[in-house]
Amino acid sequence: MEENKVLLEAQDLQQYFPVAGRRGKFVRAVDGVSFAIREGETFGLVGESGCGKSTLARTVIRINKPTGGRIAFDGLEITNLSQKDLKGSGLRQRMQMVFQDPYSSLNSRMTVRDALMEPLIANQIGENDAQREEMAREALGRVNLSPDYIHRYPHEFSGGQRQRICIARALIVKPQMVICDEAISALDVSIQAQVVNMLGDFQQELGLTYLFIAHDLSMVRYVSHRVGVMYLGRLVELCESEEIYSHPLHPYTQGLLRSVPVPDPKLARSRDKEALEGEVPSPIDPPKGCHFHPRCPYAKPVCREAVPPMTDAGGGHMVCCHLFSE
């Protein structure tokens, strides 16, 4: 795709959480992650549960203040801005998030009208409530829901409809970037396709930029321009979407792709023999060196001692592995 300007940049980002009752111990949820997302692209982020994807999303949007590193949005340093300054800078309007569970994302005591008008009021958009209600009705129509639903409550909708409402709420303030944190994983497969296609249409129409987090590797391949792979708080591989699926380099990425279900029983049995073995280590006491070395079939002595650098294996295909750093 065309090289647009960088919209979101993270450098050596860290997010540690203290462990209750264990002085000096931290959950290293995000441990030195660096990446950049260009304007108008979809950046996919994949990895096993507990690898730090959602924490990374909450950190770059500044729900959580990072422990270390740097975050910049559209050239503005936002790493240490207070919540007041974040709102004053317009970041809260320009950057929106769609969460995994649409039901818990919506206040069960608020009607759809109130839920959609809330971000308009918070960002001082619209002259009065009548104008804001009209904007809410338009937002419902854009996500293929009837404007007549505006006075209903969340429990009166299906899961797919609730997620459409959450998407409408995120887009109603006209953001530049939307973070989709497992936004389709709780939906039926047919509804997933509808929501993903709708997000693609919005991107074409509005020039949106997405950070798309998901477990479904095939869906990430379909929607993303570039893909990053996370393991135990670190980014281990990053490149163009098709490249990472056709030529995965990191042993962890290869294992993830082999775990994708296939309709051929013989191929499925052969893949089972090559599936990832072992359990994900604790983020409180991660292994020294490369975090993946206890599960890696190619581990060498250096993997147990030194953290591998992020290396360009050719054509911008970045991989964090000692096999490619020599």
C-alpha atoms as a PDB file:
ATOM      1  CA  MET A   1       0.000   0.000   0.000  1.00  0.00           C
ATOM      2  CA  GLU A   2       1.018   3.656  -0.406  1.00  0.00           C
ATOM      3  CA  GLU A   3       3.386   4.902   2.267  1.00  0.00           C
ATOM      4  CA  ASN A   4       1.165   7.257   4.252  1.00  0.00           C
ATOM      5  CA  LYS A   5       2.374   9.149   7.304  1.00  0.00           C
ATOM      6  CA  VAL A   6       2.757   7.344  10.620  1.00  0.00           C
ATOM      7  CA  LEU A   7      -0.343   7.913  12.755  1.00  0.00           C
ATOM      8  CA  LEU A   8       0.485   5.848  15.849  1.00  0.00           C
ATOM      9  CA  GLU A   9       3.988   4.963  17.018  1.00  0.00           C
ATOM     10  CA  ALA A  10       5.145   2.998  20.048  1.00  0.00           C
ATOM     11  CA  GLN A  11       8.793   2.670  21.046  1.00  0.00           C
ATOM     12  CA  ASP A  12      10.056   0.179  23.628  1.00  0.00           C
ATOM     13  CA  LEU A  13       6.634   0.223  25.286  1.00  0.00           C
ATOM     14  CA  GLN A  14       6.380  -1.414  28.705  1.00  0.00           C
ATOM     15  CA  GLN A  15       3.399  -2.104  30.934  1.00  0.00           C
ATOM     16  CA  TYR A  16       4.156  -3.793  34.256  1.00  0.00           C
ATOM     17  CA  PHE A  17       1.643  -4.466  37.020  1.00  0.00           C
ATOM     18  CA  PRO A  18       2.780  -5.059  40.632  1.00  0.00           C
ATOM     19  CA  VAL A  19       1.874  -8.454  42.112  1.00  0.00           C
ATOM     20  CA  ALA A  20      -0.067  -8.182  45.368  1.00  0.00           C
ATOM     21  CA  GLY A  21       1.839  -9.633  48.308  1.00  0.00           C
ATOM     22  CA  ARG A  22       5.068 -10.158  46.326  1.00  0.00           C
ATOM     23  CA  ARG A  23       7.334  -7.154  46.729  1.00  0.00           C
ATOM     24  CA  GLY A  24       9.475  -6.445  43.693  1.00  0.00           C
ATOM     25  CA  LYS A  25       7.469  -8.805  41.467  1.00  0.00           C
ATOM     26  CA  PHE A  26       5.610  -7.553  38.408  1.00  0.00           C
ATOM     27  CA  VAL A  27       3.392  -8.984  35.684  1.00  0.00           C
ATOM     28  CA  ARG A  28       5.298  -7.982  32.550  1.00  0.00           C
ATOM     29  CA  ALA A  29       2.215  -7.708  30.346  1.00  0.00           C
ATOM     30  CA  VAL A  30       3.962  -5.599  27.687  1.00  0.00           C
ATOM     31  CA  ASP A  31       7.737  -5.887  27.648  1.00  0.00           C
ATOM     32  CA  GLY A  32       9.511  -3.580  25.210  1.00  0.00           C
ATOM     33  CA  VAL A  33       7.203  -3.464  22.163  1.00  0.00           C
ATOM     34  CA  SER A  34       7.908  -1.160  19.205  1.00  0.00           C
ATOM     35  CA  PHE A  35       5.762  -0.663  16.096  1.00  0.00           C
ATOM     36  CA  ALA A  36       4.218   2.025  13.898  1.00  0.00           C
ATOM     37  CA  ILE A  37       0.815   2.172  12.210  1.00  0.00           C
ATOM     38  CA  ARG A  38       0.383   4.291   9.124  1.00  0.00           C
ATOM     39  CA  GLU A  39      -2.652   6.382   8.335  1.00  0.00           C
ATOM     40  CA  GLY A  40      -5.364   4.417   6.526  1.00  0.00           C
ATOM     41  CA  GLU A  41      -3.953   0.934   7.186  1.00  0.00           C
ATOM     42  CA  THR A  42      -5.164  -1.980   9.272  1.00  0.00           C
ATOM     43  CA  PHE A  43      -2.522  -3.382  11.593  1.00  0.00           C
ATOM     44  CA  GLY A  44      -3.402  -6.885  12.818  1.00  0.00           C
ATOM     45  CA  LEU A  45      -2.157  -8.184  16.153  1.00  0.00           C
ATOM     46  CA  VAL A  46      -2.279 -11.904  16.974  1.00  0.00           C
ATOM     47  CA  GLY A  47      -1.058 -14.228  19.699  1.00  0.00           C
ATOM     48  CA  GLU A  48      -2.225 -16.661  22.352  1.00  0.00           C
ATOM     49  CA  SER A  49      -4.477 -15.590  25.215  1.00  0.00           C
ATOM     50  CA  GLY A  50      -2.459 -13.802  27.879  1.00  0.00           C
ATOM     51  CA  CYS A  51       0.295 -12.624  25.538  1.00  0.00           C
ATOM     52  CA  GLY A  52      -0.473  -8.938  26.192  1.00  0.00           C
ATOM     53  CA  LYS A  53      -2.495  -7.885  23.142  1.00  0.00           C
ATOM     54  CA  SER A  54      -5.370  -6.266  25.030  1.00  0.00           C
ATOM     55  CA  THR A  55      -3.024  -4.615  27.535  1.00  0.00           C
ATOM     56  CA  LEU A  56      -1.040  -3.170  24.636  1.00  0.00           C
ATOM     57  CA  ALA A  57      -4.248  -1.770  23.141  1.00  0.00           C
ATOM     58  CA  ARG A  58      -5.311  -0.203  26.443  1.00  0.00           C
ATOM     59  CA  THR A  59      -1.847   1.288  26.843  1.00  0.00           C
ATOM     60  CA  VAL A  60      -1.550   2.937  23.425  1.00  0.00           C
ATOM     61  CA  ILE A  61      -4.988   4.520  23.847  1.00  0.00           C
ATOM     62  CA  ARG A  62      -3.865   5.631  27.313  1.00  0.00           C
ATOM     63  CA  ILE A  63      -6.492   3.842  29.387  1.00  0.00           C
ATOM     64  CA  ASN A  64      -3.382   2.632  31.219  1.00  0.00           C
ATOM     65  CA  LYS A  65      -0.331   4.820  31.680  1.00  0.00           C
ATOM     66  CA  PRO A  66       2.745   2.979  30.407  1.00  0.00           C
ATOM     67  CA  THR A  67       5.473   1.896  32.806  1.00  0.00           C
ATOM     68  CA  GLY A  68       8.115   2.811  30.255  1.00  0.00           C
ATOM     69  CA  GLY A  69       8.681   3.624  26.603  1.00  0.00           C
ATOM     70  CA  ARG A  70       7.072   6.182  24.333  1.00  0.00           C
ATOM     71  CA  ILE A  71       3.736   6.640  22.530  1.00  0.00           C
ATOM     72  CA  ALA A  72       3.081   9.250  19.847  1.00  0.00           C
ATOM     73  CA  PHE A  73      -0.182   9.877  18.009  1.00  0.00           C
ATOM     74  CA  ASP A  74      -0.059  11.951  14.833  1.00  0.00           C
ATOM     75  CA  GLY A  75       3.241  13.422  15.981  1.00  0.00           C
ATOM     76  CA  LEU A  76       1.948  14.306  19.459  1.00  0.00           C
ATOM     77  CA  GLU A  77       3.789  12.793  22.411  1.00  0.00           C
ATOM     78  CA  ILE A  78       1.047  11.324  24.632  1.00  0.00           C
ATOM     79  CA  THR A  79       3.102   9.034  26.888  1.00  0.00           C
ATOM     80  CA  ASN A  80       2.853  11.115  30.051  1.00  0.00           C
ATOM     81  CA  LEU A  81      -0.134  13.364  29.370  1.00  0.00           C
ATOM     82  CA  SER A  82      -2.682  13.617  32.172  1.00  0.00           C
ATOM     83  CA  GLN A  83      -6.286  12.576  31.532  1.00  0.00           C
ATOM     84  CA  LYS A  84      -7.260  16.245  31.405  1.00  0.00           C
ATOM     85  CA  ASP A  85      -4.569  16.997  28.818  1.00  0.00           C
ATOM     86  CA  LEU A  86      -5.513  13.909  26.805  1.00  0.00           C
ATOM     87  CA  LYS A  87      -9.049  15.224  26.499  1.00  0.00           C
ATOM     88  CA  GLY A  88      -7.834  18.741  25.793  1.00  0.00           C
ATOM     89  CA  SER A  89      -5.546  17.474  23.019  1.00  0.00           C
ATOM     90  CA  GLY A  90      -8.511  15.854  21.264  1.00  0.00           C
ATOM     91  CA  LEU A  91      -7.044  12.364  21.589  1.00  0.00           C
ATOM     92  CA  ARG A  92     -10.166  10.989  23.263  1.00  0.00           C
ATOM     93  CA  GLN A  93     -12.162  11.968  20.184  1.00  0.00           C
ATOM     94  CA  ARG A  94      -9.569  11.040  17.561  1.00  0.00           C
ATOM     95  CA  MET A  95      -8.883   7.582  18.990  1.00  0.00           C
ATOM     96  CA  GLN A  96     -11.735   5.195  19.824  1.00  0.00           C
ATOM     97  CA  MET A  97     -11.973   1.568  20.964  1.00  0.00           C
ATOM     98  CA  VAL A  98     -14.402  -1.315  20.391  1.00  0.00           C
ATOM     99  CA  PHE A  99     -14.174  -3.978  23.105  1.00  0.00           C
ATOM    100  CA  GLN A 100     -14.660  -7.733  22.972  1.00  0.00           C
ATOM    101  CA  ASP A 101     -17.878  -8.051  24.966  1.00  0.00           C
ATOM    102  CA  PRO A 102     -20.542  -5.674  23.643  1.00  0.00           C
ATOM    103  CA  TYR A 103     -22.920  -6.373  26.530  1.00  0.00           C
ATOM    104  CA  SER A 104     -20.493  -5.306  29.250  1.00  0.00           C
ATOM    105  CA  SER A 105     -19.433  -2.346  27.067  1.00  0.00           C
ATOM    106  CA  LEU A 106     -22.943  -0.909  27.232  1.00  0.00           C
ATOM    107  CA  ASN A 107     -24.637   0.364  30.368  1.00  0.00           C
ATOM    108  CA  SER A 108     -27.691  -1.848  30.837  1.00  0.00           C
ATOM    109  CA  ARG A 109     -29.617   1.085  32.337  1.00  0.00           C
ATOM    110  CA  MET A 110     -28.986   3.403  29.391  1.00  0.00           C
ATOM    111  CA  THR A 111     -30.998   3.400  26.196  1.00  0.00           C
ATOM    112  CA  VAL A 112     -29.230   3.302  22.847  1.00  0.00           C
ATOM    113  CA  ARG A 113     -30.009   7.017  22.541  1.00  0.00           C
ATOM    114  CA  ASP A 114     -28.185   7.816  25.769  1.00  0.00           C
ATOM    115  CA  ALA A 115     -25.251   5.511  24.930  1.00  0.00           C
ATOM    116  CA  LEU A 116     -24.702   7.149  21.545  1.00  0.00           C
ATOM    117  CA  MET A 117     -25.189  10.678  22.804  1.00  0.00           C
ATOM    118  CA  GLU A 118     -22.762  10.256  25.710  1.00  0.00           C
ATOM    119  CA  PRO A 119     -19.532  10.597  23.624  1.00  0.00           C
ATOM    120  CA  LEU A 120     -21.064  13.567  21.782  1.00  0.00           C
ATOM    121  CA  ILE A 121     -21.747  15.332  25.069  1.00  0.00           C
ATOM    122  CA  ALA A 122     -18.325  14.414  26.494  1.00  0.00           C
ATOM    123  CA  ASN A 123     -16.578  15.855  23.432  1.00  0.00           C
ATOM    124  CA  GLN A 124     -18.937  18.843  23.125  1.00  0.00           C
ATOM    125  CA  ILE A 125     -20.187  17.831  19.690  1.00  0.00           C
ATOM    126  CA  GLY A 126     -23.593  19.138  18.606  1.00  0.00           C
ATOM    127  CA  GLU A 127     -25.440  22.271  19.644  1.00  0.00           C
ATOM    128  CA  ASN A 128     -28.245  20.628  21.628  1.00  0.00           C
ATOM    129  CA  ASP A 129     -29.798  17.261  22.506  1.00  0.00           C
ATOM    130  CA  ALA A 130     -32.149  17.347  19.544  1.00  0.00           C
ATOM    131  CA  GLN A 131     -29.220  17.625  17.150  1.00  0.00           C
ATOM    132  CA  ARG A 132     -27.295  14.927  19.017  1.00  0.00           C
ATOM    133  CA  GLU A 133     -30.276  12.576  18.882  1.00  0.00           C
ATOM    134  CA  GLU A 134     -30.451  13.059  15.122  1.00  0.00           C
ATOM    135  CA  MET A 135     -26.750  12.214  14.891  1.00  0.00           C
ATOM    136  CA  ALA A 136     -27.410   9.085  16.978  1.00  0.00           C
ATOM    137  CA  ARG A 137     -30.183   8.018  14.609  1.00  0.00           C
ATOM    138  CA  GLU A 138     -27.867   8.521  11.624  1.00  0.00           C
ATOM    139  CA  ALA A 139     -25.162   6.479  13.357  1.00  0.00           C
ATOM    140  CA  LEU A 140     -27.569   3.573  13.852  1.00  0.00           C
ATOM    141  CA  GLY A 141     -28.494   3.661  10.178  1.00  0.00           C
ATOM    142  CA  ARG A 142     -24.836   3.532   9.174  1.00  0.00           C
ATOM    143  CA  VAL A 143     -24.389   0.213  11.011  1.00  0.00           C
ATOM    144  CA  ASN A 144     -27.538  -1.201   9.401  1.00  0.00           C
ATOM    145  CA  LEU A 145     -29.810  -0.874  12.447  1.00  0.00           C
ATOM    146  CA  SER A 146     -33.167   0.848  12.381  1.00  0.00           C
ATOM    147  CA  PRO A 147     -33.185   4.362  13.874  1.00  0.00           C
ATOM    148  CA  ASP A 148     -36.428   3.313  15.572  1.00  0.00           C
ATOM    149  CA  TYR A 149     -34.321   1.171  17.944  1.00  0.00           C
ATOM    150  CA  ILE A 150     -32.971   4.297  19.610  1.00  0.00           C
ATOM    151  CA  HIS A 151     -35.160   4.023  22.716  1.00  0.00           C
ATOM    152  CA  ARG A 152     -34.426   0.341  23.352  1.00  0.00           C
ATOM    153  CA  TYR A 153     -32.093  -1.079  26.012  1.00  0.00           C
ATOM    154  CA  PRO A 154     -29.053  -3.354  25.415  1.00  0.00           C
ATOM    155  CA  HIS A 155     -30.826  -6.530  26.622  1.00  0.00           C
ATOM    156  CA  GLU A 156     -33.339  -6.151  23.770  1.00  0.00           C
ATOM    157  CA  PHE A 157     -30.663  -6.792  21.132  1.00  0.00           C
ATOM    158  CA  SER A 158     -28.677  -9.796  19.927  1.00  0.00           C
ATOM    159  CA  GLY A 159     -24.912  -9.936  20.420  1.00  0.00           C
ATOM    160  CA  GLY A 160     -24.252  -8.880  16.840  1.00  0.00           C
ATOM    161  CA  GLN A 161     -26.632  -5.950  17.121  1.00  0.00           C
ATOM    162  CA  ARG A 162     -25.039  -4.833  20.383  1.00  0.00           C
ATOM    163  CA  GLN A 163     -21.608  -4.864  18.764  1.00  0.00           C
ATOM    164  CA  ARG A 164     -22.953  -2.758  15.905  1.00  0.00           C
ATOM    165  CA  ILE A 165     -24.173  -0.254  18.492  1.00  0.00           C
ATOM    166  CA  CYS A 166     -20.683  -0.197  20.045  1.00  0.00           C
ATOM    167  CA  ILE A 167     -19.176   0.421  16.605  1.00  0.00           C
ATOM    168  CA  ALA A 168     -21.687   3.216  15.986  1.00  0.00           C
ATOM    169  CA  ARG A 169     -20.744   4.748  19.344  1.00  0.00           C
ATOM    170  CA  ALA A 170     -17.040   4.636  18.421  1.00  0.00           C
ATOM    171  CA  LEU A 171     -17.590   6.194  14.993  1.00  0.00           C
ATOM    172  CA  ILE A 172     -20.106   8.858  15.963  1.00  0.00           C
ATOM    173  CA  VAL A 173     -17.333  11.257  17.046  1.00  0.00           C
ATOM    174  CA  LYS A 174     -15.537  10.791  13.690  1.00  0.00           C
ATOM    175  CA  PRO A 175     -12.207   9.397  14.964  1.00  0.00           C
ATOM    176  CA  GLN A 176      -9.057   8.925  12.929  1.00  0.00           C
ATOM    177  CA  MET A 177      -8.223   5.574  14.499  1.00  0.00           C
ATOM    178  CA  VAL A 178     -10.283   2.718  15.946  1.00  0.00           C
ATOM    179  CA  ILE A 179      -8.832  -0.081  18.083  1.00  0.00           C
ATOM    180  CA  CYS A 180     -10.825  -3.308  17.710  1.00  0.00           C
ATOM    181  CA  ASP A 181      -9.932  -5.489  20.690  1.00  0.00           C
ATOM    182  CA  GLU A 182     -11.301  -8.952  19.853  1.00  0.00           C
ATOM    183  CA  ALA A 183     -14.352  -7.089  18.552  1.00  0.00           C
ATOM    184  CA  ILE A 184     -15.684 -10.065  16.568  1.00  0.00           C
ATOM    185  CA  SER A 185     -14.640 -13.057  18.691  1.00  0.00           C
ATOM    186  CA  ALA A 186     -17.920 -13.202  20.632  1.00  0.00           C
ATOM    187  CA  LEU A 187     -20.039 -13.205  17.459  1.00  0.00           C
ATOM    188  CA  ASP A 188     -21.342 -15.986  15.205  1.00  0.00           C
ATOM    189  CA  VAL A 189     -19.226 -16.639  12.119  1.00  0.00           C
ATOM    190  CA  SER A 190     -21.810 -15.224   9.699  1.00  0.00           C
ATOM    191  CA  ILE A 191     -22.137 -12.072  11.839  1.00  0.00           C
ATOM    192  CA  GLN A 192     -18.344 -11.785  12.039  1.00  0.00           C
ATOM    193  CA  ALA A 193     -18.151 -11.530   8.258  1.00  0.00           C
ATOM    194  CA  GLN A 194     -20.837  -8.853   8.168  1.00  0.00           C
ATOM    195  CA  VAL A 195     -19.128  -6.768  10.850  1.00  0.00           C
ATOM    196  CA  VAL A 196     -15.693  -7.094   9.237  1.00  0.00           C
ATOM    197  CA  ASN A 197     -17.046  -6.094   5.827  1.00  0.00           C
ATOM    198  CA  MET A 198     -18.788  -3.133   7.424  1.00  0.00           C
ATOM    199  CA  LEU A 199     -15.533  -2.029   9.074  1.00  0.00           C
ATOM    200  CA  GLY A 200     -13.809  -2.318   5.690  1.00  0.00           C
ATOM    201  CA  ASP A 201     -16.456  -0.123   4.089  1.00  0.00           C
ATOM    202  CA  PHE A 202     -16.001   2.496   6.802  1.00  0.00           C
ATOM    203  CA  GLN A 203     -12.250   2.449   6.230  1.00  0.00           C
ATOM    204  CA  GLN A 204     -12.686   3.125   2.526  1.00  0.00           C
ATOM    205  CA  GLU A 205     -15.318   5.785   3.108  1.00  0.00           C
ATOM    206  CA  LEU A 206     -13.832   7.608   6.084  1.00  0.00           C
ATOM    207  CA  GLY A 207     -10.107   6.844   5.738  1.00  0.00           C
ATOM    208  CA  LEU A 208     -10.018   5.120   9.133  1.00  0.00           C
ATOM    209  CA  THR A 209      -6.953   3.468  10.622  1.00  0.00           C
ATOM    210  CA  TYR A 210      -7.428   0.228  12.573  1.00  0.00           C
ATOM    211  CA  LEU A 211      -5.516  -1.722  15.175  1.00  0.00           C
ATOM    212  CA  PHE A 212      -7.269  -5.078  14.790  1.00  0.00           C
ATOM    213  CA  ILE A 213      -6.705  -7.622  17.563  1.00  0.00           C
ATOM    214  CA  ALA A 214      -8.076 -11.140  17.085  1.00  0.00           C
ATOM    215  CA  HIS A 215      -7.530 -14.834  17.710  1.00  0.00           C
ATOM    216  CA  ASP A 216      -8.881 -15.829  14.297  1.00  0.00           C
ATOM    217  CA  LEU A 217      -5.758 -15.868  12.124  1.00  0.00           C
ATOM    218  CA  SER A 218      -7.709 -16.282   8.882  1.00  0.00           C
ATOM    219  CA  MET A 219      -9.806 -13.200   9.663  1.00  0.00           C
ATOM    220  CA  VAL A 220      -6.708 -11.171  10.529  1.00  0.00           C
ATOM    221  CA  ARG A 221      -5.206 -12.186   7.197  1.00  0.00           C
ATOM    222  CA  TYR A 222      -8.351 -11.035   5.405  1.00  0.00           C
ATOM    223  CA  VAL A 223      -8.577  -7.574   6.980  1.00  0.00           C
ATOM    224  CA  SER A 224      -4.961  -6.559   7.698  1.00  0.00           C
ATOM    225  CA  HIS A 225      -2.301  -4.833   5.642  1.00  0.00           C
ATOM    226  CA  ARG A 226       0.413  -5.770   8.141  1.00  0.00           C
ATOM    227  CA  VAL A 227       0.463  -8.246  11.013  1.00  0.00           C
ATOM    228  CA  GLY A 228       2.386  -8.349  14.276  1.00  0.00           C
ATOM    229  CA  VAL A 229       2.742 -11.509  16.370  1.00  0.00           C
ATOM    230  CA  MET A 230       3.015 -11.213  20.165  1.00  0.00           C
ATOM    231  CA  TYR A 231       4.342 -13.757  22.636  1.00  0.00           C
ATOM    232  CA  LEU A 232       4.535 -13.185  26.390  1.00  0.00           C
ATOM    233  CA  GLY A 233       4.567  -9.401  26.138  1.00  0.00           C
ATOM    234  CA  ARG A 234       6.992  -9.128  23.223  1.00  0.00           C
ATOM    235  CA  LEU A 235       6.558  -8.614  19.502  1.00  0.00           C
ATOM    236  CA  VAL A 236       8.306 -11.548  17.794  1.00  0.00           C
ATOM    237  CA  GLU A 237       7.436 -11.029  14.114  1.00  0.00           C
ATOM    238  CA  LEU A 238       6.123  -8.193  11.957  1.00  0.00           C
ATOM    239  CA  CYS A 239       5.587  -7.881   8.211  1.00  0.00           C
ATOM    240  CA  GLU A 240       3.056  -7.607   5.404  1.00  0.00           C
ATOM    241  CA  SER A 241      -0.019  -9.752   5.925  1.00  0.00           C
ATOM    242  CA  GLU A 242       0.434 -12.122   2.977  1.00  0.00           C
ATOM    243  CA  GLU A 243       4.150 -12.497   3.687  1.00  0.00           C
ATOM    244  CA  ILE A 244       3.642 -13.616   7.274  1.00  0.00           C
ATOM    245  CA  TYR A 245       1.094 -16.236   6.223  1.00  0.00           C
ATOM    246  CA  SER A 246       3.041 -17.562   3.239  1.00  0.00           C
ATOM    247  CA  HIS A 247       6.550 -17.357   4.796  1.00  0.00           C
ATOM    248  CA  PRO A 248       6.379 -17.329   8.611  1.00  0.00           C
ATOM    249  CA  LEU A 249       9.882 -17.168  10.066  1.00  0.00           C
ATOM    250  CA  HIS A 250       9.571 -17.249  13.849  1.00  0.00           C
ATOM    251  CA  PRO A 251       8.997 -20.766  15.274  1.00  0.00           C
ATOM    252  CA  TYR A 252       6.119 -19.397  17.348  1.00  0.00           C
ATOM    253  CA  THR A 253       4.371 -17.936  14.291  1.00  0.00           C
ATOM    254  CA  GLN A 254       4.826 -21.229  12.473  1.00  0.00           C
ATOM    255  CA  GLY A 255       3.236 -23.051  15.401  1.00  0.00           C
ATOM    256  CA  LEU A 256       0.304 -20.634  15.507  1.00  0.00           C
ATOM    257  CA  LEU A 257      -0.417 -21.132  11.822  1.00  0.00           C
ATOM    258  CA  ARG A 258      -0.234 -24.918  12.182  1.00  0.00           C
ATOM    259  CA  SER A 259      -2.883 -24.674  14.894  1.00  0.00           C
ATOM    260  CA  VAL A 260      -5.460 -23.195  12.493  1.00  0.00           C
ATOM    261  CA  PRO A 261      -8.183 -25.822  11.831  1.00  0.00           C
ATOM    262  CA  VAL A 262      -8.232 -27.303   8.325  1.00  0.00           C
ATOM    263  CA  PRO A 263     -11.020 -29.340   6.659  1.00  0.00           C
ATOM    264  CA  ASP A 264      -8.655 -32.149   5.539  1.00  0.00           C
ATOM    265  CA  PRO A 265      -8.447 -34.859   8.290  1.00  0.00           C
ATOM    266  CA  LYS A 266      -5.100 -36.228   7.067  1.00  0.00           C
ATOM    267  CA  LEU A 267      -3.526 -32.784   6.985  1.00  0.00           C
ATOM    268  CA  ALA A 268      -5.038 -32.021  10.402  1.00  0.00           C
ATOM    269  CA  ARG A 269      -3.446 -35.158  11.933  1.00  0.00           C
ATOM    270  CA  SER A 270      -0.039 -34.325  10.485  1.00  0.00           C
ATOM    271  CA  ARG A 271      -0.313 -30.790  11.854  1.00  0.00           C
ATOM    272  CA  ASP A 272      -1.219 -32.096  15.304  1.00  0.00           C
ATOM    273  CA  LYS A 273       2.217 -33.707  15.480  1.00  0.00           C
ATOM    274  CA  GLU A 274       3.824 -30.320  14.786  1.00  0.00           C
ATOM    275  CA  ALA A 275       1.624 -28.285  17.138  1.00  0.00           C
ATOM    276  CA  LEU A 276       3.095 -26.069  19.821  1.00  0.00           C
ATOM    277  CA  GLU A 277       4.070 -28.011  22.910  1.00  0.00           C
ATOM    278  CA  GLY A 278       4.250 -26.891  26.501  1.00  0.00           C
ATOM    279  CA  GLU A 279       2.488 -24.111  28.381  1.00  0.00           C
ATOM    280  CA  VAL A 280       2.943 -20.362  28.163  1.00  0.00           C
ATOM    281  CA  PRO A 281       5.372 -19.356  30.966  1.00  0.00           C
ATOM    282  CA  SER A 282       4.261 -17.006  33.723  1.00  0.00           C
ATOM    283  CA  PRO A 283       4.588 -13.300  32.843  1.00  0.00           C
ATOM    284  CA  ILE A 284       5.667 -12.782  36.469  1.00  0.00           C
ATOM    285  CA  ASP A 285       8.774 -14.961  36.054  1.00  0.00           C
ATOM    286  CA  PRO A 286       9.403 -15.159  32.303  1.00  0.00           C
ATOM    287  CA  PRO A 287      12.338 -17.220  30.997  1.00  0.00           C
ATOM    288  CA  LYS A 288      15.668 -15.479  30.500  1.00  0.00           C
ATOM    289  CA  GLY A 289      16.759 -14.659  26.978  1.00  0.00           C
ATOM    290  CA  CYS A 290      14.155 -15.465  24.346  1.00  0.00           C
ATOM    291  CA  HIS A 291      10.833 -16.016  26.125  1.00  0.00           C
ATOM    292  CA  PHE A 292       9.916 -18.740  23.637  1.00  0.00           C
ATOM    293  CA  HIS A 293      13.008 -20.923  24.062  1.00  0.00           C
ATOM    294  CA  PRO A 294      11.406 -23.483  26.485  1.00  0.00           C
ATOM    295  CA  ARG A 295       8.893 -24.390  23.742  1.00  0.00           C
ATOM    296  CA  CYS A 296      11.111 -23.902  20.701  1.00  0.00           C
ATOM    297  CA  PRO A 297      12.364 -26.967  18.796  1.00  0.00           C
ATOM    298  CA  TYR A 298      15.314 -24.954  17.420  1.00  0.00           C
ATOM    299  CA  ALA A 299      16.520 -23.408  20.700  1.00  0.00           C
ATOM    300  CA  LYS A 300      20.291 -22.907  21.055  1.00  0.00           C
ATOM    301  CA  PRO A 301      22.359 -22.005  24.135  1.00  0.00           C
ATOM    302  CA  VAL A 302      22.312 -18.313  23.195  1.00  0.00           C
ATOM    303  CA  CYS A 303      18.489 -18.370  23.215  1.00  0.00           C
ATOM    304  CA  ARG A 304      18.563 -19.127  26.935  1.00  0.00           C
ATOM    305  CA  GLU A 305      20.850 -16.200  27.758  1.00  0.00           C
ATOM    306  CA  ALA A 306      20.293 -13.250  25.401  1.00  0.00           C
ATOM    307  CA  VAL A 307      17.185 -11.476  24.168  1.00  0.00           C
ATOM    308  CA  PRO A 308      17.238 -11.666  20.352  1.00  0.00           C
ATOM    309  CA  PRO A 309      17.168  -8.319  18.521  1.00  0.00           C
ATOM    310  CA  MET A 310      14.430  -7.452  16.049  1.00  0.00           C
ATOM    311  CA  THR A 311      16.115  -8.222  12.711  1.00  0.00           C
ATOM    312  CA  ASP A 312      15.130  -7.459   9.121  1.00  0.00           C
ATOM    313  CA  ALA A 313      15.170 -10.850   7.388  1.00  0.00           C
ATOM    314  CA  GLY A 314      14.638  -9.196   4.012  1.00  0.00           C
ATOM    315  CA  GLY A 315      12.019  -6.985   2.419  1.00  0.00           C
ATOM    316  CA  GLY A 316      10.956  -5.451   5.702  1.00  0.00           C
ATOM    317  CA  HIS A 317      10.102  -8.837   7.239  1.00  0.00           C
ATOM    318  CA  MET A 318      11.054  -8.249  10.876  1.00  0.00           C
ATOM    319  CA  VAL A 319      11.671 -11.191  13.171  1.00  0.00           C
ATOM    320  CA  CYS A 320      12.947 -11.419  16.750  1.00  0.00           C
ATOM    321  CA  CYS A 321      14.890 -14.680  16.689  1.00  0.00           C
ATOM    322  CA  HIS A 322      18.567 -15.682  17.066  1.00  0.00           C
ATOM    323  CA  LEU A 323      18.225 -17.915  14.003  1.00  0.00           C
ATOM    324  CA  PHE A 324      18.121 -14.753  11.895  1.00  0.00           C
ATOM    325  CA  SER A 325      20.373 -12.420  13.886  1.00  0.00           C
ATOM    326  CA  GLU A 326      23.695 -14.116  13.084  1.00  0.00           C
END
